[in-house]
Amino acid sequence: MLSNKWGVSNNLLLKESSGSIGKIMTITQKKSGKMLIGKHRGSSSVPPSEKQLGVQAKFKEGIIYGKAVMADPALKALYAAAVKGDQSAYNLAVRDAYKAPEITKISTDL
């Protein structure tokens, strides 16, 4: 199986670049400063399945929730405190909306 990710680079010429170069490659800058270079992906010529449409709808709900979190300073601060690595508070909020955290234990001790 081929990967769309070609590699990680610290290339001086591409240091501040991001986006697509023609329809050949895509450059992504991570929060940590790492650069990922991958194959450019185009749109599919096949219409999405019902399952894919469901995933897209759920993702759209996540985007709406992520934007709402970023607009609320208190929630934004909570999410910002929980981020790890290359995550952002927005990414974490979208993930929470897409796949809600699982509650494993509730403490009633005061």
PDB file of N, CA and C in Angstrom:
ATOM      1  N   MET A   1       0.844  -1.184   0.000  1.00  0.00           N
ATOM      2  CA  MET A   1       0.000   0.000   0.000  1.00  0.00           C
ATOM      3  C   MET A   1       0.884   1.241   0.000  1.00  0.00           C
ATOM      4  N   LEU A   2       0.620   2.154  -0.890  1.00  0.00           N
ATOM      5  CA  LEU A   2       1.404   3.379  -0.975  1.00  0.00           C
ATOM      6  C   LEU A   2       0.834   4.439  -0.055  1.00  0.00           C
ATOM      7  N   SER A   3       1.713   5.205   0.520  1.00  0.00           N
ATOM      8  CA  SER A   3       1.299   6.286   1.407  1.00  0.00           C
ATOM      9  C   SER A   3       1.276   7.591   0.620  1.00  0.00           C
ATOM     10  N   ASN A   4       0.386   8.493   0.984  1.00  0.00           N
ATOM     11  CA  ASN A   4       0.366   9.811   0.354  1.00  0.00           C
ATOM     12  C   ASN A   4       1.425  10.723   0.937  1.00  0.00           C
ATOM     13  N   LYS A   5       2.031  10.318   2.050  1.00  0.00           N
ATOM     14  CA  LYS A   5       3.044  11.160   2.685  1.00  0.00           C
ATOM     15  C   LYS A   5       4.408  10.779   2.122  1.00  0.00           C
ATOM     16  N   TRP A   6       5.093  11.720   1.491  1.00  0.00           N
ATOM     17  CA  TRP A   6       6.402  11.443   0.925  1.00  0.00           C
ATOM     18  C   TRP A   6       7.492  11.578   1.962  1.00  0.00           C
ATOM     19  N   GLY A   7       7.335  12.476   2.893  1.00  0.00           N
ATOM     20  CA  GLY A   7       8.382  12.613   3.886  1.00  0.00           C
ATOM     21  C   GLY A   7       8.283  13.882   4.689  1.00  0.00           C
ATOM     22  N   VAL A   8       9.192  13.987   5.616  1.00  0.00           N
ATOM     23  CA  VAL A   8       9.293  15.153   6.479  1.00  0.00           C
ATOM     24  C   VAL A   8      10.558  15.876   6.078  1.00  0.00           C
ATOM     25  N   SER A   9      10.498  17.197   5.977  1.00  0.00           N
ATOM     26  CA  SER A   9      11.648  17.943   5.488  1.00  0.00           C
ATOM     27  C   SER A   9      11.859  19.214   6.292  1.00  0.00           C
ATOM     28  N   ASN A  10      13.097  19.652   6.354  1.00  0.00           N
ATOM     29  CA  ASN A  10      13.438  20.956   6.914  1.00  0.00           C
ATOM     30  C   ASN A  10      14.136  21.767   5.826  1.00  0.00           C
ATOM     31  N   ASN A  11      13.704  21.605   4.585  1.00  0.00           N
ATOM     32  CA  ASN A  11      14.287  22.241   3.421  1.00  0.00           C
ATOM     33  C   ASN A  11      14.244  23.757   3.554  1.00  0.00           C
ATOM     34  N   LEU A  12      15.393  24.406   3.398  1.00  0.00           N
ATOM     35  CA  LEU A  12      15.500  25.855   3.522  1.00  0.00           C
ATOM     36  C   LEU A  12      14.667  26.589   2.477  1.00  0.00           C
ATOM     37  N   LEU A  13      14.598  26.073   1.254  1.00  0.00           N
ATOM     38  CA  LEU A  13      13.854  26.738   0.182  1.00  0.00           C
ATOM     39  C   LEU A  13      12.343  26.696   0.411  1.00  0.00           C
ATOM     40  N   LEU A  14      11.868  25.667   1.085  1.00  0.00           N
ATOM     41  CA  LEU A  14      10.430  25.505   1.299  1.00  0.00           C
ATOM     42  C   LEU A  14       9.998  25.837   2.719  1.00  0.00           C
ATOM     43  N   LYS A  15      10.921  26.357   3.525  1.00  0.00           N
ATOM     44  CA  LYS A  15      10.696  26.546   4.961  1.00  0.00           C
ATOM     45  C   LYS A  15       9.370  27.232   5.312  1.00  0.00           C
ATOM     46  N   GLU A  16       9.019  28.304   4.645  1.00  0.00           N
ATOM     47  CA  GLU A  16       7.793  29.046   4.971  1.00  0.00           C
ATOM     48  C   GLU A  16       6.646  28.720   4.018  1.00  0.00           C
ATOM     49  N   SER A  17       6.797  27.679   3.204  1.00  0.00           N
ATOM     50  CA  SER A  17       5.783  27.331   2.210  1.00  0.00           C
ATOM     51  C   SER A  17       4.720  26.412   2.785  1.00  0.00           C
ATOM     52  N   SER A  18       3.536  26.498   2.215  1.00  0.00           N
ATOM     53  CA  SER A  18       2.480  25.531   2.503  1.00  0.00           C
ATOM     54  C   SER A  18       1.482  25.589   1.359  1.00  0.00           C
ATOM     55  N   GLY A  19       0.767  24.498   1.162  1.00  0.00           N
ATOM     56  CA  GLY A  19      -0.203  24.434   0.082  1.00  0.00           C
ATOM     57  C   GLY A  19       0.241  23.483  -1.007  1.00  0.00           C
ATOM     58  N   SER A  20      -0.397  23.586  -2.170  1.00  0.00           N
ATOM     59  CA  SER A  20      -0.104  22.686  -3.280  1.00  0.00           C
ATOM     60  C   SER A  20       0.833  23.332  -4.278  1.00  0.00           C
ATOM     61  N   ILE A  21       1.688  22.516  -4.854  1.00  0.00           N
ATOM     62  CA  ILE A  21       2.556  22.947  -5.949  1.00  0.00           C
ATOM     63  C   ILE A  21       2.035  22.218  -7.175  1.00  0.00           C
ATOM     64  N   GLY A  22       1.344  22.983  -8.040  1.00  0.00           N
ATOM     65  CA  GLY A  22       0.694  22.366  -9.187  1.00  0.00           C
ATOM     66  C   GLY A  22      -0.276  21.304  -8.706  1.00  0.00           C
ATOM     67  N   LYS A  23      -0.316  20.208  -9.434  1.00  0.00           N
ATOM     68  CA  LYS A  23      -1.133  19.070  -8.995  1.00  0.00           C
ATOM     69  C   LYS A  23      -0.208  17.900  -8.703  1.00  0.00           C
ATOM     70  N   ILE A  24       0.990  18.254  -8.196  1.00  0.00           N
ATOM     71  CA  ILE A  24       2.011  17.245  -7.950  1.00  0.00           C
ATOM     72  C   ILE A  24       2.146  16.941  -6.465  1.00  0.00           C
ATOM     73  N   MET A  25       2.345  17.978  -5.649  1.00  0.00           N
ATOM     74  CA  MET A  25       2.590  17.745  -4.229  1.00  0.00           C
ATOM     75  C   MET A  25       1.917  18.800  -3.366  1.00  0.00           C
ATOM     76  N   THR A  26       1.744  18.444  -2.095  1.00  0.00           N
ATOM     77  CA  THR A  26       1.167  19.346  -1.106  1.00  0.00           C
ATOM     78  C   THR A  26       2.138  19.462   0.060  1.00  0.00           C
ATOM     79  N   ILE A  27       2.351  20.689   0.522  1.00  0.00           N
ATOM     80  CA  ILE A  27       3.250  20.953   1.646  1.00  0.00           C
ATOM     81  C   ILE A  27       2.397  21.400   2.826  1.00  0.00           C
ATOM     82  N   THR A  28       2.610  20.769   3.972  1.00  0.00           N
ATOM     83  CA  THR A  28       1.867  21.096   5.188  1.00  0.00           C
ATOM     84  C   THR A  28       2.849  21.440   6.294  1.00  0.00           C
ATOM     85  N   GLN A  29       2.619  22.551   6.986  1.00  0.00           N
ATOM     86  CA  GLN A  29       3.447  22.944   8.128  1.00  0.00           C
ATOM     87  C   GLN A  29       2.717  22.547   9.404  1.00  0.00           C
ATOM     88  N   LYS A  30       3.394  21.825  10.279  1.00  0.00           N
ATOM     89  CA  LYS A  30       2.813  21.436  11.558  1.00  0.00           C
ATOM     90  C   LYS A  30       3.114  22.494  12.611  1.00  0.00           C
ATOM     91  N   LYS A  31       2.352  22.484  13.690  1.00  0.00           N
ATOM     92  CA  LYS A  31       2.522  23.432  14.791  1.00  0.00           C
ATOM     93  C   LYS A  31       3.929  23.346  15.381  1.00  0.00           C
ATOM     94  N   SER A  32       4.500  22.143  15.385  1.00  0.00           N
ATOM     95  CA  SER A  32       5.840  21.935  15.941  1.00  0.00           C
ATOM     96  C   SER A  32       6.938  22.475  15.033  1.00  0.00           C
ATOM     97  N   GLY A  33       6.576  22.903  13.819  1.00  0.00           N
ATOM     98  CA  GLY A  33       7.564  23.411  12.881  1.00  0.00           C
ATOM     99  C   GLY A  33       7.948  22.398  11.818  1.00  0.00           C
ATOM    100  N   LYS A  34       7.552  21.137  11.982  1.00  0.00           N
ATOM    101  CA  LYS A  34       7.869  20.118  10.988  1.00  0.00           C
ATOM    102  C   LYS A  34       7.075  20.367   9.716  1.00  0.00           C
ATOM    103  N   MET A  35       7.696  20.032   8.600  1.00  0.00           N
ATOM    104  CA  MET A  35       7.055  20.178   7.310  1.00  0.00           C
ATOM    105  C   MET A  35       6.784  18.788   6.746  1.00  0.00           C
ATOM    106  N   LEU A  36       5.569  18.557   6.279  1.00  0.00           N
ATOM    107  CA  LEU A  36       5.224  17.295   5.637  1.00  0.00           C
ATOM    108  C   LEU A  36       5.011  17.555   4.155  1.00  0.00           C
ATOM    109  N   ILE A  37       5.592  16.725   3.326  1.00  0.00           N
ATOM    110  CA  ILE A  37       5.423  16.843   1.883  1.00  0.00           C
ATOM    111  C   ILE A  37       4.739  15.570   1.411  1.00  0.00           C
ATOM    112  N   GLY A  38       3.628  15.724   0.708  1.00  0.00           N
ATOM    113  CA  GLY A  38       2.877  14.555   0.256  1.00  0.00           C
ATOM    114  C   GLY A  38       2.321  14.737  -1.138  1.00  0.00           C
ATOM    115  N   LYS A  39       1.791  13.655  -1.655  1.00  0.00           N
ATOM    116  CA  LYS A  39       1.185  13.635  -2.976  1.00  0.00           C
ATOM    117  C   LYS A  39      -0.083  14.497  -2.977  1.00  0.00           C
ATOM    118  N   HIS A  40      -0.261  15.295  -4.021  1.00  0.00           N
ATOM    119  CA  HIS A  40      -1.470  16.116  -4.155  1.00  0.00           C
ATOM    120  C   HIS A  40      -2.664  15.197  -4.401  1.00  0.00           C
ATOM    121  N   ARG A  41      -3.732  15.432  -3.657  1.00  0.00           N
ATOM    122  CA  ARG A  41      -4.940  14.626  -3.824  1.00  0.00           C
ATOM    123  C   ARG A  41      -6.010  15.454  -4.512  1.00  0.00           C
ATOM    124  N   GLY A  42      -6.595  14.908  -5.523  1.00  0.00           N
ATOM    125  CA  GLY A  42      -7.678  15.584  -6.235  1.00  0.00           C
ATOM    126  C   GLY A  42      -9.023  15.070  -5.757  1.00  0.00           C
ATOM    127  N   SER A  43     -10.095  15.645  -6.298  1.00  0.00           N
ATOM    128  CA  SER A  43     -11.421  15.177  -5.917  1.00  0.00           C
ATOM    129  C   SER A  43     -11.707  13.837  -6.592  1.00  0.00           C
ATOM    130  N   SER A  44     -12.593  13.104  -5.972  1.00  0.00           N
ATOM    131  CA  SER A  44     -12.983  11.800  -6.493  1.00  0.00           C
ATOM    132  C   SER A  44     -14.004  11.976  -7.605  1.00  0.00           C
ATOM    133  N   SER A  45     -13.934  11.104  -8.591  1.00  0.00           N
ATOM    134  CA  SER A  45     -14.916  11.148  -9.679  1.00  0.00           C
ATOM    135  C   SER A  45     -16.120  10.253  -9.358  1.00  0.00           C
ATOM    136  N   VAL A  46     -16.045   9.540  -8.235  1.00  0.00           N
ATOM    137  CA  VAL A  46     -17.124   8.643  -7.808  1.00  0.00           C
ATOM    138  C   VAL A  46     -17.983   9.370  -6.774  1.00  0.00           C
ATOM    139  N   PRO A  47     -19.301   9.355  -6.928  1.00  0.00           N
ATOM    140  CA  PRO A  47     -20.145  10.017  -5.924  1.00  0.00           C
ATOM    141  C   PRO A  47     -19.995   9.345  -4.553  1.00  0.00           C
ATOM    142  N   PRO A  48     -20.099  10.127  -3.464  1.00  0.00           N
ATOM    143  CA  PRO A  48     -19.929   9.551  -2.125  1.00  0.00           C
ATOM    144  C   PRO A  48     -21.055   8.574  -1.775  1.00  0.00           C
ATOM    145  N   SER A  49     -20.698   7.547  -1.008  1.00  0.00           N
ATOM    146  CA  SER A  49     -21.683   6.559  -0.549  1.00  0.00           C
ATOM    147  C   SER A  49     -22.500   7.161   0.597  1.00  0.00           C
ATOM    148  N   GLU A  50     -23.545   6.449   0.998  1.00  0.00           N
ATOM    149  CA  GLU A  50     -24.366   6.900   2.129  1.00  0.00           C
ATOM    150  C   GLU A  50     -23.520   7.014   3.395  1.00  0.00           C
ATOM    151  N   LYS A  51     -22.631   6.041   3.593  1.00  0.00           N
ATOM    152  CA  LYS A  51     -21.764   6.050   4.773  1.00  0.00           C
ATOM    153  C   LYS A  51     -20.835   7.271   4.745  1.00  0.00           C
ATOM    154  N   GLN A  52     -20.278   7.573   3.568  1.00  0.00           N
ATOM    155  CA  GLN A  52     -19.401   8.741   3.440  1.00  0.00           C
ATOM    156  C   GLN A  52     -20.171  10.029   3.680  1.00  0.00           C
ATOM    157  N   LEU A  53     -21.392  10.111   3.191  1.00  0.00           N
ATOM    158  CA  LEU A  53     -22.216  11.300   3.424  1.00  0.00           C
ATOM    159  C   LEU A  53     -22.503  11.471   4.910  1.00  0.00           C
ATOM    160  N   GLY A  54     -22.713  10.360   5.613  1.00  0.00           N
ATOM    161  CA  GLY A  54     -22.925  10.416   7.061  1.00  0.00           C
ATOM    162  C   GLY A  54     -21.700  10.938   7.788  1.00  0.00           C
ATOM    163  N   VAL A  55     -20.517  10.466   7.373  1.00  0.00           N
ATOM    164  CA  VAL A  55     -19.263  10.926   7.975  1.00  0.00           C
ATOM    165  C   VAL A  55     -19.077  12.418   7.706  1.00  0.00           C
ATOM    166  N   GLN A  56     -19.376  12.852   6.477  1.00  0.00           N
ATOM    167  CA  GLN A  56     -19.247  14.272   6.137  1.00  0.00           C
ATOM    168  C   GLN A  56     -20.184  15.133   6.977  1.00  0.00           C
ATOM    169  N   ALA A  57     -21.410  14.670   7.186  1.00  0.00           N
ATOM    170  CA  ALA A  57     -22.377  15.426   7.996  1.00  0.00           C
ATOM    171  C   ALA A  57     -21.892  15.537   9.439  1.00  0.00           C
ATOM    172  N   LYS A  58     -21.365  14.434   9.972  1.00  0.00           N
ATOM    173  CA  LYS A  58     -20.856  14.438  11.348  1.00  0.00           C
ATOM    174  C   LYS A  58     -19.653  15.373  11.467  1.00  0.00           C
ATOM    175  N   PHE A  59     -18.793  15.377  10.442  1.00  0.00           N
ATOM    176  CA  PHE A  59     -17.626  16.254  10.440  1.00  0.00           C
ATOM    177  C   PHE A  59     -18.062  17.724  10.405  1.00  0.00           C
ATOM    178  N   LYS A  60     -19.082  18.039   9.616  1.00  0.00           N
ATOM    179  CA  LYS A  60     -19.601  19.413   9.560  1.00  0.00           C
ATOM    180  C   LYS A  60     -20.101  19.863  10.930  1.00  0.00           C
ATOM    181  N   GLU A  61     -20.757  18.950  11.650  1.00  0.00           N
ATOM    182  CA  GLU A  61     -21.208  19.268  13.011  1.00  0.00           C
ATOM    183  C   GLU A  61     -20.009  19.554  13.912  1.00  0.00           C
ATOM    184  N   GLY A  62     -18.941  18.783  13.728  1.00  0.00           N
ATOM    185  CA  GLY A  62     -17.712  19.000  14.490  1.00  0.00           C
ATOM    186  C   GLY A  62     -17.106  20.363  14.212  1.00  0.00           C
ATOM    187  N   ILE A  63     -17.130  20.785  12.960  1.00  0.00           N
ATOM    188  CA  ILE A  63     -16.598  22.095  12.570  1.00  0.00           C
ATOM    189  C   ILE A  63     -17.405  23.205  13.246  1.00  0.00           C
ATOM    190  N   ILE A  64     -18.720  23.062  13.237  1.00  0.00           N
ATOM    191  CA  ILE A  64     -19.588  24.059  13.883  1.00  0.00           C
ATOM    192  C   ILE A  64     -19.273  24.134  15.377  1.00  0.00           C
ATOM    193  N   TYR A  65     -19.112  22.968  16.020  1.00  0.00           N
ATOM    194  CA  TYR A  65     -18.786  22.941  17.446  1.00  0.00           C
ATOM    195  C   TYR A  65     -17.407  23.556  17.691  1.00  0.00           C
ATOM    196  N   GLY A  66     -16.429  23.215  16.861  1.00  0.00           N
ATOM    197  CA  GLY A  66     -15.079  23.759  17.015  1.00  0.00           C
ATOM    198  C   GLY A  66     -15.070  25.281  16.935  1.00  0.00           C
ATOM    199  N   LYS A  67     -15.835  25.831  16.002  1.00  0.00           N
ATOM    200  CA  LYS A  67     -15.915  27.292  15.868  1.00  0.00           C
ATOM    201  C   LYS A  67     -16.603  27.915  17.081  1.00  0.00           C
ATOM    202  N   ALA A  68     -17.618  27.231  17.616  1.00  0.00           N
ATOM    203  CA  ALA A  68     -18.311  27.735  18.807  1.00  0.00           C
ATOM    204  C   ALA A  68     -17.369  27.742  20.009  1.00  0.00           C
ATOM    205  N   VAL A  69     -16.542  26.707  20.140  1.00  0.00           N
ATOM    206  CA  VAL A  69     -15.569  26.641  21.237  1.00  0.00           C
ATOM    207  C   VAL A  69     -14.571  27.786  21.115  1.00  0.00           C
ATOM    208  N   MET A  70     -14.098  28.059  19.916  1.00  0.00           N
ATOM    209  CA  MET A  70     -13.117  29.132  19.718  1.00  0.00           C
ATOM    210  C   MET A  70     -13.722  30.506  20.010  1.00  0.00           C
ATOM    211  N   ALA A  71     -15.039  30.635  19.871  1.00  0.00           N
ATOM    212  CA  ALA A  71     -15.708  31.910  20.139  1.00  0.00           C
ATOM    213  C   ALA A  71     -15.985  32.122  21.628  1.00  0.00           C
ATOM    214  N   ASP A  72     -15.902  31.061  22.426  1.00  0.00           N
ATOM    215  CA  ASP A  72     -16.160  31.138  23.866  1.00  0.00           C
ATOM    216  C   ASP A  72     -14.822  31.096  24.611  1.00  0.00           C
ATOM    217  N   PRO A  73     -14.375  32.225  25.190  1.00  0.00           N
ATOM    218  CA  PRO A  73     -13.055  32.272  25.838  1.00  0.00           C
ATOM    219  C   PRO A  73     -12.847  31.224  26.932  1.00  0.00           C
ATOM    220  N   ALA A  74     -13.880  30.925  27.715  1.00  0.00           N
ATOM    221  CA  ALA A  74     -13.735  29.940  28.794  1.00  0.00           C
ATOM    222  C   ALA A  74     -13.517  28.535  28.229  1.00  0.00           C
ATOM    223  N   LEU A  75     -14.330  28.150  27.241  1.00  0.00           N
ATOM    224  CA  LEU A  75     -14.166  26.828  26.621  1.00  0.00           C
ATOM    225  C   LEU A  75     -12.843  26.734  25.867  1.00  0.00           C
ATOM    226  N   LYS A  76     -12.488  27.813  25.190  1.00  0.00           N
ATOM    227  CA  LYS A  76     -11.227  27.826  24.443  1.00  0.00           C
ATOM    228  C   LYS A  76     -10.045  27.591  25.388  1.00  0.00           C
ATOM    229  N   ALA A  77     -10.080  28.203  26.560  1.00  0.00           N
ATOM    230  CA  ALA A  77      -9.003  28.031  27.546  1.00  0.00           C
ATOM    231  C   ALA A  77      -8.949  26.591  28.053  1.00  0.00           C
ATOM    232  N   LEU A  78     -10.118  25.975  28.276  1.00  0.00           N
ATOM    233  CA  LEU A  78     -10.157  24.572  28.716  1.00  0.00           C
ATOM    234  C   LEU A  78      -9.534  23.654  27.670  1.00  0.00           C
ATOM    235  N   TYR A  79      -9.905  23.857  26.427  1.00  0.00           N
ATOM    236  CA  TYR A  79      -9.353  23.024  25.355  1.00  0.00           C
ATOM    237  C   TYR A  79      -7.865  23.309  25.151  1.00  0.00           C
ATOM    238  N   ALA A  80      -7.462  24.569  25.247  1.00  0.00           N
ATOM    239  CA  ALA A  80      -6.047  24.921  25.069  1.00  0.00           C
ATOM    240  C   ALA A  80      -5.177  24.249  26.129  1.00  0.00           C
ATOM    241  N   ALA A  81      -5.714  24.090  27.334  1.00  0.00           N
ATOM    242  CA  ALA A  81      -4.957  23.448  28.413  1.00  0.00           C
ATOM    243  C   ALA A  81      -4.806  21.944  28.186  1.00  0.00           C
ATOM    244  N   ALA A  82      -5.669  21.360  27.359  1.00  0.00           N
ATOM    245  CA  ALA A  82      -5.658  19.905  27.158  1.00  0.00           C
ATOM    246  C   ALA A  82      -4.902  19.451  25.910  1.00  0.00           C
ATOM    247  N   VAL A  83      -4.419  20.386  25.091  1.00  0.00           N
ATOM    248  CA  VAL A  83      -3.759  19.989  23.837  1.00  0.00           C
ATOM    249  C   VAL A  83      -2.412  19.333  24.092  1.00  0.00           C
ATOM    250  N   LYS A  84      -2.013  18.478  23.154  1.00  0.00           N
ATOM    251  CA  LYS A  84      -0.721  17.794  23.212  1.00  0.00           C
ATOM    252  C   LYS A  84      -0.076  17.853  21.834  1.00  0.00           C
ATOM    253  N   GLY A  85       1.229  18.018  21.790  1.00  0.00           N
ATOM    254  CA  GLY A  85       1.971  17.958  20.532  1.00  0.00           C
ATOM    255  C   GLY A  85       1.515  18.971  19.503  1.00  0.00           C
ATOM    256  N   ASP A  86       1.232  18.480  18.298  1.00  0.00           N
ATOM    257  CA  ASP A  86       0.848  19.345  17.179  1.00  0.00           C
ATOM    258  C   ASP A  86      -0.641  19.679  17.157  1.00  0.00           C
ATOM    259  N   GLN A  87      -1.384  19.291  18.185  1.00  0.00           N
ATOM    260  CA  GLN A  87      -2.811  19.587  18.234  1.00  0.00           C
ATOM    261  C   GLN A  87      -3.033  21.071  18.499  1.00  0.00           C
ATOM    262  N   SER A  88      -4.223  21.526  18.165  1.00  0.00           N
ATOM    263  CA  SER A  88      -4.655  22.864  18.567  1.00  0.00           C
ATOM    264  C   SER A  88      -5.956  22.691  19.343  1.00  0.00           C
ATOM    265  N   ALA A  89      -6.357  23.724  20.043  1.00  0.00           N
ATOM    266  CA  ALA A  89      -7.615  23.667  20.794  1.00  0.00           C
ATOM    267  C   ALA A  89      -8.778  23.405  19.833  1.00  0.00           C
ATOM    268  N   TYR A  90      -8.727  24.004  18.660  1.00  0.00           N
ATOM    269  CA  TYR A  90      -9.766  23.814  17.649  1.00  0.00           C
ATOM    270  C   TYR A  90      -9.831  22.346  17.206  1.00  0.00           C
ATOM    271  N   ASN A  91      -8.663  21.743  16.895  1.00  0.00           N
ATOM    272  CA  ASN A  91      -8.627  20.336  16.480  1.00  0.00           C
ATOM    273  C   ASN A  91      -9.214  19.427  17.549  1.00  0.00           C
ATOM    274  N   LEU A  92      -8.872  19.707  18.792  1.00  0.00           N
ATOM    275  CA  LEU A  92      -9.361  18.899  19.907  1.00  0.00           C
ATOM    276  C   LEU A  92     -10.881  19.027  20.050  1.00  0.00           C
ATOM    277  N   ALA A  93     -11.403  20.235  19.874  1.00  0.00           N
ATOM    278  CA  ALA A  93     -12.852  20.453  19.967  1.00  0.00           C
ATOM    279  C   ALA A  93     -13.584  19.726  18.839  1.00  0.00           C
ATOM    280  N   VAL A  94     -13.034  19.789  17.632  1.00  0.00           N
ATOM    281  CA  VAL A  94     -13.649  19.084  16.499  1.00  0.00           C
ATOM    282  C   VAL A  94     -13.650  17.581  16.769  1.00  0.00           C
ATOM    283  N   ARG A  95     -12.542  17.065  17.287  1.00  0.00           N
ATOM    284  CA  ARG A  95     -12.458  15.636  17.601  1.00  0.00           C
ATOM    285  C   ARG A  95     -13.485  15.253  18.664  1.00  0.00           C
ATOM    286  N   ASP A  96     -13.643  16.091  19.686  1.00  0.00           N
ATOM    287  CA  ASP A  96     -14.620  15.806  20.742  1.00  0.00           C
ATOM    288  C   ASP A  96     -16.045  15.781  20.196  1.00  0.00           C
ATOM    289  N   ALA A  97     -16.342  16.667  19.255  1.00  0.00           N
ATOM    290  CA  ALA A  97     -17.683  16.687  18.673  1.00  0.00           C
ATOM    291  C   ALA A  97     -17.889  15.468  17.784  1.00  0.00           C
ATOM    292  N   TYR A  98     -16.839  15.065  17.085  1.00  0.00           N
ATOM    293  CA  TYR A  98     -16.929  13.919  16.178  1.00  0.00           C
ATOM    294  C   TYR A  98     -17.008  12.609  16.955  1.00  0.00           C
ATOM    295  N   LYS A  99     -16.156  12.486  17.969  1.00  0.00           N
ATOM    296  CA  LYS A  99     -16.146  11.285  18.808  1.00  0.00           C
ATOM    297  C   LYS A  99     -16.074  11.756  20.253  1.00  0.00           C
ATOM    298  N   ALA A 100     -17.221  11.801  20.891  1.00  0.00           N
ATOM    299  CA  ALA A 100     -17.304  12.333  22.254  1.00  0.00           C
ATOM    300  C   ALA A 100     -16.426  11.528  23.211  1.00  0.00           C
ATOM    301  N   PRO A 101     -15.814  12.207  24.194  1.00  0.00           N
ATOM    302  CA  PRO A 101     -15.005  11.497  25.184  1.00  0.00           C
ATOM    303  C   PRO A 101     -15.870  10.498  25.961  1.00  0.00           C
ATOM    304  N   GLU A 102     -15.262   9.394  26.352  1.00  0.00           N
ATOM    305  CA  GLU A 102     -15.977   8.361  27.096  1.00  0.00           C
ATOM    306  C   GLU A 102     -15.808   8.601  28.593  1.00  0.00           C
ATOM    307  N   ILE A 103     -16.916   8.634  29.316  1.00  0.00           N
ATOM    308  CA  ILE A 103     -16.871   8.811  30.771  1.00  0.00           C
ATOM    309  C   ILE A 103     -16.784   7.420  31.391  1.00  0.00           C
ATOM    310  N   THR A 104     -15.689   7.164  32.090  1.00  0.00           N
ATOM    311  CA  THR A 104     -15.476   5.829  32.657  1.00  0.00           C
ATOM    312  C   THR A 104     -15.780   5.767  34.148  1.00  0.00           C
ATOM    313  N   LYS A 105     -15.752   6.915  34.822  1.00  0.00           N
ATOM    314  CA  LYS A 105     -15.989   6.918  36.264  1.00  0.00           C
ATOM    315  C   LYS A 105     -16.504   8.292  36.685  1.00  0.00           C
ATOM    316  N   ILE A 106     -17.457   8.291  37.598  1.00  0.00           N
ATOM    317  CA  ILE A 106     -17.971   9.539  38.153  1.00  0.00           C
ATOM    318  C   ILE A 106     -17.761   9.495  39.658  1.00  0.00           C
ATOM    319  N   SER A 107     -17.076  10.495  40.172  1.00  0.00           N
ATOM    320  CA  SER A 107     -16.824  10.571  41.606  1.00  0.00           C
ATOM    321  C   SER A 107     -17.848  11.502  42.241  1.00  0.00           C
ATOM    322  N   THR A 108     -18.514  11.024  43.267  1.00  0.00           N
ATOM    323  CA  THR A 108     -19.501  11.843  43.969  1.00  0.00           C
ATOM    324  C   THR A 108     -18.946  12.392  45.272  1.00  0.00           C
ATOM    325  N   ASP A 109     -17.662  12.124  45.537  1.00  0.00           N
ATOM    326  CA  ASP A 109     -17.016  12.648  46.746  1.00  0.00           C
ATOM    327  C   ASP A 109     -16.847  14.155  46.631  1.00  0.00           C
ATOM    328  N   LEU A 110     -17.160  14.857  47.710  1.00  0.00           N
ATOM    329  CA  LEU A 110     -16.995  16.313  47.706  1.00  0.00           C
ATOM    330  C   LEU A 110     -15.863  16.703  48.539  1.00  0.00           C
TER     331      LEU A 110
END
